All heavy atoms as atom14 arrays in JSON, in Angstrom:
{
  "sequence": "LCSVTLRAVDIDAVARTAAAAGLAGIEWGSDVHVHDAGSAAGARSA",
  "atom14_mask": [
    [1, 1, 1, 1, 1, 1, 1, 1, 0, 0, 0, 0, 0, 0],
    [1, 1, 1, 1, 1, 1, 0, 0, 0, 0, 0, 0, 0, 0],
    [1, 1, 1, 1, 1, 1, 0, 0, 0, 0, 0, 0, 0, 0],
    [1, 1, 1, 1, 1, 1, 1, 0, 0, 0, 0, 0, 0, 0],
    [1, 1, 1, 1, 1, 1, 1, 0, 0, 0, 0, 0, 0, 0],
    [1, 1, 1, 1, 1, 1, 1, 1, 0, 0, 0, 0, 0, 0],
    [1, 1, 1, 1, 1, 1, 1, 1, 1, 1, 1, 0, 0, 0],
    [1, 1, 1, 1, 1, 0, 0, 0, 0, 0, 0, 0, 0, 0],
    [1, 1, 1, 1, 1, 1, 1, 0, 0, 0, 0, 0, 0, 0],
    [1, 1, 1, 1, 1, 1, 1, 1, 0, 0, 0, 0, 0, 0],
    [1, 1, 1, 1, 1, 1, 1, 1, 0, 0, 0, 0, 0, 0],
    [1, 1, 1, 1, 1, 1, 1, 1, 0, 0, 0, 0, 0, 0],
    [1, 1, 1, 1, 1, 0, 0, 0, 0, 0, 0, 0, 0, 0],
    [1, 1, 1, 1, 1, 1, 1, 0, 0, 0, 0, 0, 0, 0],
    [1, 1, 1, 1, 1, 0, 0, 0, 0, 0, 0, 0, 0, 0],
    [1, 1, 1, 1, 1, 1, 1, 1, 1, 1, 1, 0, 0, 0],
    [1, 1, 1, 1, 1, 1, 1, 0, 0, 0, 0, 0, 0, 0],
    [1, 1, 1, 1, 1, 0, 0, 0, 0, 0, 0, 0, 0, 0],
    [1, 1, 1, 1, 1, 0, 0, 0, 0, 0, 0, 0, 0, 0],
    [1, 1, 1, 1, 1, 0, 0, 0, 0, 0, 0, 0, 0, 0],
    [1, 1, 1, 1, 1, 0, 0, 0, 0, 0, 0, 0, 0, 0],
    [1, 1, 1, 1, 0, 0, 0, 0, 0, 0, 0, 0, 0, 0],
    [1, 1, 1, 1, 1, 1, 1, 1, 0, 0, 0, 0, 0, 0],
    [1, 1, 1, 1, 1, 0, 0, 0, 0, 0, 0, 0, 0, 0],
    [1, 1, 1, 1, 0, 0, 0, 0, 0, 0, 0, 0, 0, 0],
    [1, 1, 1, 1, 1, 1, 1, 1, 0, 0, 0, 0, 0, 0],
    [1, 1, 1, 1, 1, 1, 1, 1, 1, 0, 0, 0, 0, 0],
    [1, 1, 1, 1, 1, 1, 1, 1, 1, 1, 1, 1, 1, 1],
    [1, 1, 1, 1, 0, 0, 0, 0, 0, 0, 0, 0, 0, 0],
    [1, 1, 1, 1, 1, 1, 0, 0, 0, 0, 0, 0, 0, 0],
    [1, 1, 1, 1, 1, 1, 1, 1, 0, 0, 0, 0, 0, 0],
    [1, 1, 1, 1, 1, 1, 1, 0, 0, 0, 0, 0, 0, 0],
    [1, 1, 1, 1, 1, 1, 1, 1, 1, 1, 0, 0, 0, 0],
    [1, 1, 1, 1, 1, 1, 1, 0, 0, 0, 0, 0, 0, 0],
    [1, 1, 1, 1, 1, 1, 1, 1, 1, 1, 0, 0, 0, 0],
    [1, 1, 1, 1, 1, 1, 1, 1, 0, 0, 0, 0, 0, 0],
    [1, 1, 1, 1, 1, 0, 0, 0, 0, 0, 0, 0, 0, 0],
    [1, 1, 1, 1, 0, 0, 0, 0, 0, 0, 0, 0, 0, 0],
    [1, 1, 1, 1, 1, 1, 0, 0, 0, 0, 0, 0, 0, 0],
    [1, 1, 1, 1, 1, 0, 0, 0, 0, 0, 0, 0, 0, 0],
    [1, 1, 1, 1, 1, 0, 0, 0, 0, 0, 0, 0, 0, 0],
    [1, 1, 1, 1, 0, 0, 0, 0, 0, 0, 0, 0, 0, 0],
    [1, 1, 1, 1, 1, 0, 0, 0, 0, 0, 0, 0, 0, 0],
    [1, 1, 1, 1, 1, 1, 1, 1, 1, 1, 1, 0, 0, 0],
    [1, 1, 1, 1, 1, 1, 0, 0, 0, 0, 0, 0, 0, 0],
    [1, 1, 1, 1, 1, 0, 0, 0, 0, 0, 0, 0, 0, 0]
  ],
  "atom14_positions": [
    [[0.81, -1.16, 0.01], [-0.08, 0.04, 0.02], [0.84, 1.27, -0.05], [1.9, 1.35, 0.73], [-0.9, 0.02, 1.24], [-1.84, 1.26, 1.42], [-2.85, 1.32, 0.37], [-2.44, 1.27, 2.85], [0.0, 0.0, 0.0], [0.0, 0.0, 0.0], [0.0, 0.0, 0.0], [0.0, 0.0, 0.0], [0.0, 0.0, 0.0], [0.0, 0.0, 0.0]],
    [[0.5, 2.22, -0.77], [1.19, 3.54, -0.78], [0.37, 4.43, 0.26], [-0.84, 4.54, 0.16], [1.07, 4.31, -2.09], [2.03, 3.42, -3.42], [0.0, 0.0, 0.0], [0.0, 0.0, 0.0], [0.0, 0.0, 0.0], [0.0, 0.0, 0.0], [0.0, 0.0, 0.0], [0.0, 0.0, 0.0], [0.0, 0.0, 0.0], [0.0, 0.0, 0.0]],
    [[1.11, 4.92, 1.33], [0.39, 5.7, 2.26], [-0.36, 6.96, 1.73], [-1.3, 7.49, 2.34], [1.42, 6.09, 3.45], [2.17, 7.19, 3.06], [0.0, 0.0, 0.0], [0.0, 0.0, 0.0], [0.0, 0.0, 0.0], [0.0, 0.0, 0.0], [0.0, 0.0, 0.0], [0.0, 0.0, 0.0], [0.0, 0.0, 0.0], [0.0, 0.0, 0.0]],
    [[0.08, 7.46, 0.53], [-0.58, 8.58, -0.04], [-2.07, 8.28, -0.42], [-2.82, 9.14, -0.59], [0.12, 9.1, -1.3], [1.51, 9.6, -0.93], [0.21, 8.06, -2.4], [0.0, 0.0, 0.0], [0.0, 0.0, 0.0], [0.0, 0.0, 0.0], [0.0, 0.0, 0.0], [0.0, 0.0, 0.0], [0.0, 0.0, 0.0], [0.0, 0.0, 0.0]],
    [[-2.38, 6.93, -0.46], [-3.77, 6.5, -0.61], [-4.72, 6.95, 0.45], [-5.85, 7.18, 0.29], [-3.82, 4.95, -0.79], [-2.83, 4.61, -1.83], [-5.13, 4.47, -1.15], [0.0, 0.0, 0.0], [0.0, 0.0, 0.0], [0.0, 0.0, 0.0], [0.0, 0.0, 0.0], [0.0, 0.0, 0.0], [0.0, 0.0, 0.0], [0.0, 0.0, 0.0]],
    [[-4.03, 7.12, 1.62], [-4.89, 7.46, 2.77], [-4.18, 8.65, 3.59], [-3.87, 8.57, 4.65], [-4.84, 6.27, 3.84], [-5.58, 5.01, 3.3], [-5.31, 3.88, 4.25], [-7.06, 5.16, 3.02], [0.0, 0.0, 0.0], [0.0, 0.0, 0.0], [0.0, 0.0, 0.0], [0.0, 0.0, 0.0], [0.0, 0.0, 0.0], [0.0, 0.0, 0.0]],
    [[-4.08, 9.79, 2.74], [-3.54, 10.94, 3.36], [-4.26, 11.55, 4.46], [-3.74, 12.26, 5.27], [-3.37, 12.01, 2.23], [-2.21, 11.76, 1.28], [-2.03, 12.92, 0.34], [-0.83, 12.91, -0.55], [-0.84, 12.67, -1.84], [-2.01, 12.61, -2.47], [0.3, 12.64, -2.47], [0.0, 0.0, 0.0], [0.0, 0.0, 0.0], [0.0, 0.0, 0.0]],
    [[-5.64, 11.3, 4.53], [-6.44, 11.9, 5.53], [-6.41, 11.28, 6.87], [-6.9, 11.72, 7.84], [-7.85, 11.99, 4.93], [0.0, 0.0, 0.0], [0.0, 0.0, 0.0], [0.0, 0.0, 0.0], [0.0, 0.0, 0.0], [0.0, 0.0, 0.0], [0.0, 0.0, 0.0], [0.0, 0.0, 0.0], [0.0, 0.0, 0.0], [0.0, 0.0, 0.0]],
    [[-5.78, 10.12, 7.04], [-5.63, 9.32, 8.33], [-4.2, 9.31, 8.75], [-3.3, 9.6, 8.03], [-6.27, 7.95, 8.14], [-7.7, 8.0, 7.65], [-5.41, 7.07, 7.36], [0.0, 0.0, 0.0], [0.0, 0.0, 0.0], [0.0, 0.0, 0.0], [0.0, 0.0, 0.0], [0.0, 0.0, 0.0], [0.0, 0.0, 0.0], [0.0, 0.0, 0.0]],
    [[-4.02, 9.01, 10.08], [-2.75, 9.03, 10.61], [-1.93, 7.76, 10.36], [-2.42, 6.85, 9.73], [-2.81, 9.37, 12.12], [-3.48, 8.31, 12.97], [-3.58, 7.16, 12.39], [-3.91, 8.53, 14.08], [0.0, 0.0, 0.0], [0.0, 0.0, 0.0], [0.0, 0.0, 0.0], [0.0, 0.0, 0.0], [0.0, 0.0, 0.0], [0.0, 0.0, 0.0]],
    [[-0.64, 7.76, 10.8], [0.25, 6.68, 10.57], [-0.27, 5.33, 11.03], [-0.23, 4.34, 10.3], [1.59, 7.01, 11.17], [2.45, 7.99, 10.3], [2.44, 5.7, 11.32], [3.67, 8.6, 10.95], [0.0, 0.0, 0.0], [0.0, 0.0, 0.0], [0.0, 0.0, 0.0], [0.0, 0.0, 0.0], [0.0, 0.0, 0.0], [0.0, 0.0, 0.0]],
    [[-0.75, 5.38, 12.3], [-1.27, 4.07, 12.87], [-2.49, 3.57, 12.17], [-2.59, 2.33, 11.85], [-1.69, 4.31, 14.32], [-0.47, 4.45, 15.27], [0.58, 4.02, 14.89], [-0.65, 5.06, 16.37], [0.0, 0.0, 0.0], [0.0, 0.0, 0.0], [0.0, 0.0, 0.0], [0.0, 0.0, 0.0], [0.0, 0.0, 0.0], [0.0, 0.0, 0.0]],
    [[-3.32, 4.47, 11.62], [-4.47, 3.97, 10.95], [-4.14, 3.49, 9.48], [-4.72, 2.44, 9.05], [-5.42, 5.11, 10.63], [0.0, 0.0, 0.0], [0.0, 0.0, 0.0], [0.0, 0.0, 0.0], [0.0, 0.0, 0.0], [0.0, 0.0, 0.0], [0.0, 0.0, 0.0], [0.0, 0.0, 0.0], [0.0, 0.0, 0.0], [0.0, 0.0, 0.0]],
    [[-3.07, 4.02, 8.89], [-2.51, 3.45, 7.67], [-2.02, 2.02, 7.83], [-2.36, 1.1, 7.15], [-1.4, 4.3, 6.98], [-0.82, 3.62, 5.87], [-1.95, 5.73, 6.63], [0.0, 0.0, 0.0], [0.0, 0.0, 0.0], [0.0, 0.0, 0.0], [0.0, 0.0, 0.0], [0.0, 0.0, 0.0], [0.0, 0.0, 0.0], [0.0, 0.0, 0.0]],
    [[-1.26, 1.88, 8.92], [-0.67, 0.43, 9.19], [-1.77, -0.46, 9.54], [-1.74, -1.59, 9.07], [0.38, 0.61, 10.29], [0.0, 0.0, 0.0], [0.0, 0.0, 0.0], [0.0, 0.0, 0.0], [0.0, 0.0, 0.0], [0.0, 0.0, 0.0], [0.0, 0.0, 0.0], [0.0, 0.0, 0.0], [0.0, 0.0, 0.0], [0.0, 0.0, 0.0]],
    [[-2.83, -0.03, 10.3], [-3.87, -0.96, 10.64], [-4.63, -1.46, 9.4], [-4.98, -2.51, 9.26], [-4.84, -0.3, 11.65], [-4.23, -0.14, 13.05], [-5.42, 0.14, 14.06], [-6.15, 1.25, 13.73], [-5.85, 2.51, 14.08], [-4.78, 2.72, 14.91], [-6.61, 3.52, 13.78], [0.0, 0.0, 0.0], [0.0, 0.0, 0.0], [0.0, 0.0, 0.0]],
    [[-4.91, -0.43, 8.57], [-5.68, -0.81, 7.23], [-4.85, -1.7, 6.48], [-5.46, -2.77, 5.89], [-5.97, 0.53, 6.53], [-6.71, 1.42, 7.3], [-6.8, 0.22, 5.29], [0.0, 0.0, 0.0], [0.0, 0.0, 0.0], [0.0, 0.0, 0.0], [0.0, 0.0, 0.0], [0.0, 0.0, 0.0], [0.0, 0.0, 0.0], [0.0, 0.0, 0.0]],
    [[-3.59, -1.53, 6.2], [-2.74, -2.41, 5.4], [-2.69, -3.75, 6.01], [-2.82, -4.76, 5.29], [-1.35, -1.79, 5.37], [0.0, 0.0, 0.0], [0.0, 0.0, 0.0], [0.0, 0.0, 0.0], [0.0, 0.0, 0.0], [0.0, 0.0, 0.0], [0.0, 0.0, 0.0], [0.0, 0.0, 0.0], [0.0, 0.0, 0.0], [0.0, 0.0, 0.0]],
    [[-2.62, -3.89, 7.4], [-2.58, -5.24, 7.94], [-3.93, -5.87, 7.86], [-4.03, -7.13, 7.53], [-2.22, -4.97, 9.43], [0.0, 0.0, 0.0], [0.0, 0.0, 0.0], [0.0, 0.0, 0.0], [0.0, 0.0, 0.0], [0.0, 0.0, 0.0], [0.0, 0.0, 0.0], [0.0, 0.0, 0.0], [0.0, 0.0, 0.0], [0.0, 0.0, 0.0]],
    [[-4.99, -5.14, 8.05], [-6.35, -5.69, 7.88], [-6.61, -6.14, 6.53], [-7.32, -7.19, 6.26], [-7.42, -4.65, 8.32], [0.0, 0.0, 0.0], [0.0, 0.0, 0.0], [0.0, 0.0, 0.0], [0.0, 0.0, 0.0], [0.0, 0.0, 0.0], [0.0, 0.0, 0.0], [0.0, 0.0, 0.0], [0.0, 0.0, 0.0], [0.0, 0.0, 0.0]],
    [[-6.01, -5.56, 5.41], [-6.17, -5.94, 4.15], [-5.28, -7.06, 3.74], [-5.36, -7.6, 2.59], [-5.81, -4.78, 3.27], [0.0, 0.0, 0.0], [0.0, 0.0, 0.0], [0.0, 0.0, 0.0], [0.0, 0.0, 0.0], [0.0, 0.0, 0.0], [0.0, 0.0, 0.0], [0.0, 0.0, 0.0], [0.0, 0.0, 0.0], [0.0, 0.0, 0.0]],
    [[-4.4, -7.63, 4.67], [-3.53, -8.7, 4.32], [-2.4, -8.35, 3.46], [-1.77, -9.19, 2.76], [0.0, 0.0, 0.0], [0.0, 0.0, 0.0], [0.0, 0.0, 0.0], [0.0, 0.0, 0.0], [0.0, 0.0, 0.0], [0.0, 0.0, 0.0], [0.0, 0.0, 0.0], [0.0, 0.0, 0.0], [0.0, 0.0, 0.0], [0.0, 0.0, 0.0]],
    [[-1.98, -7.09, 3.4], [-0.9, -6.62, 2.6], [0.42, -6.86, 3.27], [0.51, -7.09, 4.45], [-1.1, -5.18, 2.27], [-2.36, -4.82, 1.42], [-2.6, -3.34, 1.38], [-2.26, -5.52, 0.12], [0.0, 0.0, 0.0], [0.0, 0.0, 0.0], [0.0, 0.0, 0.0], [0.0, 0.0, 0.0], [0.0, 0.0, 0.0], [0.0, 0.0, 0.0]],
    [[1.52, -6.83, 2.56], [2.8, -7.22, 3.09], [3.67, -6.0, 3.57], [4.52, -6.17, 4.38], [3.63, -7.99, 2.0], [0.0, 0.0, 0.0], [0.0, 0.0, 0.0], [0.0, 0.0, 0.0], [0.0, 0.0, 0.0], [0.0, 0.0, 0.0], [0.0, 0.0, 0.0], [0.0, 0.0, 0.0], [0.0, 0.0, 0.0], [0.0, 0.0, 0.0]],
    [[3.28, -4.87, 3.13], [4.07, -3.62, 3.46], [3.57, -2.42, 2.99], [2.47, -2.32, 2.34], [0.0, 0.0, 0.0], [0.0, 0.0, 0.0], [0.0, 0.0, 0.0], [0.0, 0.0, 0.0], [0.0, 0.0, 0.0], [0.0, 0.0, 0.0], [0.0, 0.0, 0.0], [0.0, 0.0, 0.0], [0.0, 0.0, 0.0], [0.0, 0.0, 0.0]],
    [[4.32, -1.34, 3.22], [3.9, 0.07, 2.86], [4.93, 0.86, 2.38], [6.1, 0.82, 2.81], [3.36, 0.79, 4.24], [2.21, 0.0, 4.92], [2.93, 2.17, 3.99], [1.86, 0.55, 6.3], [0.0, 0.0, 0.0], [0.0, 0.0, 0.0], [0.0, 0.0, 0.0], [0.0, 0.0, 0.0], [0.0, 0.0, 0.0], [0.0, 0.0, 0.0]],
    [[4.65, 1.64, 1.28], [5.49, 2.78, 0.79], [5.03, 4.01, 1.59], [3.87, 4.4, 1.3], [5.47, 2.87, -0.7], [6.21, 4.09, -1.18], [6.21, 4.3, -2.71], [7.01, 3.82, -3.35], [5.22, 5.0, -3.2], [0.0, 0.0, 0.0], [0.0, 0.0, 0.0], [0.0, 0.0, 0.0], [0.0, 0.0, 0.0], [0.0, 0.0, 0.0]],
    [[5.9, 4.65, 2.32], [5.47, 5.81, 3.09], [5.81, 7.05, 2.36], [6.94, 7.27, 2.01], [6.23, 5.79, 4.46], [5.56, 4.67, 5.36], [6.13, 3.53, 5.65], [4.38, 4.8, 6.17], [5.31, 2.86, 6.64], [4.17, 3.59, 6.87], [3.44, 5.84, 6.31], [3.22, 3.41, 7.67], [2.34, 5.56, 7.1], [2.22, 4.29, 7.9]],
    [[4.83, 7.9, 2.15], [4.98, 9.2, 1.47], [5.6, 10.16, 2.36], [5.29, 10.24, 3.51], [0.0, 0.0, 0.0], [0.0, 0.0, 0.0], [0.0, 0.0, 0.0], [0.0, 0.0, 0.0], [0.0, 0.0, 0.0], [0.0, 0.0, 0.0], [0.0, 0.0, 0.0], [0.0, 0.0, 0.0], [0.0, 0.0, 0.0], [0.0, 0.0, 0.0]],
    [[6.45, 11.02, 1.75], [7.16, 12.09, 2.53], [6.47, 13.32, 2.6], [6.9, 14.38, 3.21], [8.57, 12.28, 2.05], [8.62, 12.83, 0.79], [0.0, 0.0, 0.0], [0.0, 0.0, 0.0], [0.0, 0.0, 0.0], [0.0, 0.0, 0.0], [0.0, 0.0, 0.0], [0.0, 0.0, 0.0], [0.0, 0.0, 0.0], [0.0, 0.0, 0.0]],
    [[5.23, 13.41, 2.0], [4.51, 14.68, 1.96], [3.67, 14.89, 3.24], [3.6, 15.98, 3.75], [3.63, 14.83, 0.67], [2.71, 13.68, 0.53], [2.86, 12.58, 1.12], [1.69, 13.84, -0.22], [0.0, 0.0, 0.0], [0.0, 0.0, 0.0], [0.0, 0.0, 0.0], [0.0, 0.0, 0.0], [0.0, 0.0, 0.0], [0.0, 0.0, 0.0]],
    [[3.06, 13.81, 3.75], [2.11, 13.92, 4.76], [2.62, 13.07, 5.98], [2.75, 13.64, 7.12], [0.68, 13.59, 4.4], [-0.25, 13.42, 5.66], [0.08, 14.49, 3.37], [0.0, 0.0, 0.0], [0.0, 0.0, 0.0], [0.0, 0.0, 0.0], [0.0, 0.0, 0.0], [0.0, 0.0, 0.0], [0.0, 0.0, 0.0], [0.0, 0.0, 0.0]],
    [[2.79, 11.8, 5.82], [3.02, 10.92, 6.87], [4.49, 10.94, 7.42], [4.67, 10.89, 8.59], [2.66, 9.49, 6.48], [1.21, 9.28, 6.25], [0.65, 9.12, 5.11], [0.14, 9.33, 7.12], [-0.7, 8.97, 5.2], [-1.06, 9.14, 6.36], [0.0, 0.0, 0.0], [0.0, 0.0, 0.0], [0.0, 0.0, 0.0], [0.0, 0.0, 0.0]],
    [[5.43, 10.93, 6.52], [6.83, 10.84, 6.91], [7.56, 12.1, 6.48], [8.01, 12.07, 5.29], [7.47, 9.57, 6.39], [8.97, 9.51, 6.71], [6.78, 8.36, 6.94], [0.0, 0.0, 0.0], [0.0, 0.0, 0.0], [0.0, 0.0, 0.0], [0.0, 0.0, 0.0], [0.0, 0.0, 0.0], [0.0, 0.0, 0.0], [0.0, 0.0, 0.0]],
    [[7.69, 13.03, 7.36], [8.27, 14.35, 6.93], [9.36, 14.8, 7.82], [10.0, 15.84, 7.58], [7.18, 15.39, 6.93], [6.28, 15.41, 8.12], [6.69, 16.05, 9.37], [5.03, 14.8, 8.36], [5.74, 15.75, 10.25], [4.75, 15.1, 9.7], [0.0, 0.0, 0.0], [0.0, 0.0, 0.0], [0.0, 0.0, 0.0], [0.0, 0.0, 0.0]],
    [[9.7, 14.13, 8.89], [10.73, 14.35, 9.84], [11.19, 13.16, 10.55], [10.58, 12.07, 10.39], [10.42, 15.56, 10.78], [9.21, 15.23, 11.74], [8.87, 13.98, 11.82], [8.56, 16.16, 12.21], [0.0, 0.0, 0.0], [0.0, 0.0, 0.0], [0.0, 0.0, 0.0], [0.0, 0.0, 0.0], [0.0, 0.0, 0.0], [0.0, 0.0, 0.0]],
    [[12.24, 13.29, 11.33], [12.79, 12.01, 11.94], [11.77, 11.33, 12.92], [11.63, 10.16, 12.92], [14.01, 12.46, 12.8], [0.0, 0.0, 0.0], [0.0, 0.0, 0.0], [0.0, 0.0, 0.0], [0.0, 0.0, 0.0], [0.0, 0.0, 0.0], [0.0, 0.0, 0.0], [0.0, 0.0, 0.0], [0.0, 0.0, 0.0], [0.0, 0.0, 0.0]],
    [[11.01, 12.18, 13.6], [9.95, 11.59, 14.49], [8.9, 10.81, 13.8], [8.48, 9.75, 14.24], [0.0, 0.0, 0.0], [0.0, 0.0, 0.0], [0.0, 0.0, 0.0], [0.0, 0.0, 0.0], [0.0, 0.0, 0.0], [0.0, 0.0, 0.0], [0.0, 0.0, 0.0], [0.0, 0.0, 0.0], [0.0, 0.0, 0.0], [0.0, 0.0, 0.0]],
    [[8.38, 11.36, 12.7], [7.36, 10.63, 12.0], [7.87, 9.48, 11.25], [7.25, 8.45, 11.11], [6.67, 11.56, 11.01], [7.59, 12.2, 10.02], [0.0, 0.0, 0.0], [0.0, 0.0, 0.0], [0.0, 0.0, 0.0], [0.0, 0.0, 0.0], [0.0, 0.0, 0.0], [0.0, 0.0, 0.0], [0.0, 0.0, 0.0], [0.0, 0.0, 0.0]],
    [[9.22, 9.58, 10.89], [9.8, 8.48, 10.24], [9.88, 7.25, 11.22], [9.62, 6.08, 10.86], [11.15, 8.76, 9.66], [0.0, 0.0, 0.0], [0.0, 0.0, 0.0], [0.0, 0.0, 0.0], [0.0, 0.0, 0.0], [0.0, 0.0, 0.0], [0.0, 0.0, 0.0], [0.0, 0.0, 0.0], [0.0, 0.0, 0.0], [0.0, 0.0, 0.0]],
    [[10.38, 7.6, 12.37], [10.57, 6.54, 13.42], [9.18, 5.96, 13.82], [9.0, 4.73, 14.01], [11.19, 7.2, 14.7], [0.0, 0.0, 0.0], [0.0, 0.0, 0.0], [0.0, 0.0, 0.0], [0.0, 0.0, 0.0], [0.0, 0.0, 0.0], [0.0, 0.0, 0.0], [0.0, 0.0, 0.0], [0.0, 0.0, 0.0], [0.0, 0.0, 0.0]],
    [[8.08, 6.84, 13.87], [6.85, 6.41, 14.15], [6.2, 5.48, 13.12], [5.61, 4.42, 13.42], [0.0, 0.0, 0.0], [0.0, 0.0, 0.0], [0.0, 0.0, 0.0], [0.0, 0.0, 0.0], [0.0, 0.0, 0.0], [0.0, 0.0, 0.0], [0.0, 0.0, 0.0], [0.0, 0.0, 0.0], [0.0, 0.0, 0.0], [0.0, 0.0, 0.0]],
    [[6.52, 5.81, 11.91], [5.97, 4.96, 10.82], [6.72, 3.64, 10.77], [6.05, 2.56, 10.52], [6.19, 5.73, 9.49], [0.0, 0.0, 0.0], [0.0, 0.0, 0.0], [0.0, 0.0, 0.0], [0.0, 0.0, 0.0], [0.0, 0.0, 0.0], [0.0, 0.0, 0.0], [0.0, 0.0, 0.0], [0.0, 0.0, 0.0], [0.0, 0.0, 0.0]],
    [[8.02, 3.67, 11.01], [8.73, 2.38, 11.06], [8.19, 1.45, 12.14], [7.94, 0.25, 11.99], [10.3, 2.62, 11.27], [11.13, 1.39, 11.39], [12.55, 1.8, 11.54], [13.41, 0.56, 11.42], [14.68, 0.61, 11.36], [15.33, 1.75, 11.41], [15.43, -0.56, 11.24], [0.0, 0.0, 0.0], [0.0, 0.0, 0.0], [0.0, 0.0, 0.0]],
    [[8.02, 2.06, 13.39], [7.45, 1.29, 14.48], [6.07, 0.82, 14.29], [5.76, -0.46, 14.51], [7.42, 2.18, 15.75], [6.92, 1.62, 16.89], [0.0, 0.0, 0.0], [0.0, 0.0, 0.0], [0.0, 0.0, 0.0], [0.0, 0.0, 0.0], [0.0, 0.0, 0.0], [0.0, 0.0, 0.0], [0.0, 0.0, 0.0], [0.0, 0.0, 0.0]],
    [[5.23, 1.6, 13.73], [3.88, 1.12, 13.39], [3.82, -0.02, 12.35], [2.99, -0.92, 12.46], [3.01, 2.37, 12.97], [0.0, 0.0, 0.0], [0.0, 0.0, 0.0], [0.0, 0.0, 0.0], [0.0, 0.0, 0.0], [0.0, 0.0, 0.0], [0.0, 0.0, 0.0], [0.0, 0.0, 0.0], [0.0, 0.0, 0.0], [0.0, 0.0, 0.0]]
  ]
}
């Protein structure tokens, strides 16, 4: 899943949706979800 598909929801919601859909991973966009070190670490953890 590309996280840009769900720009309106937060990182945890993107990860939950991808997992619920049985997907294997996520491409995280740097425009909304991953824009600094904190959000990058959060996206990795989620």
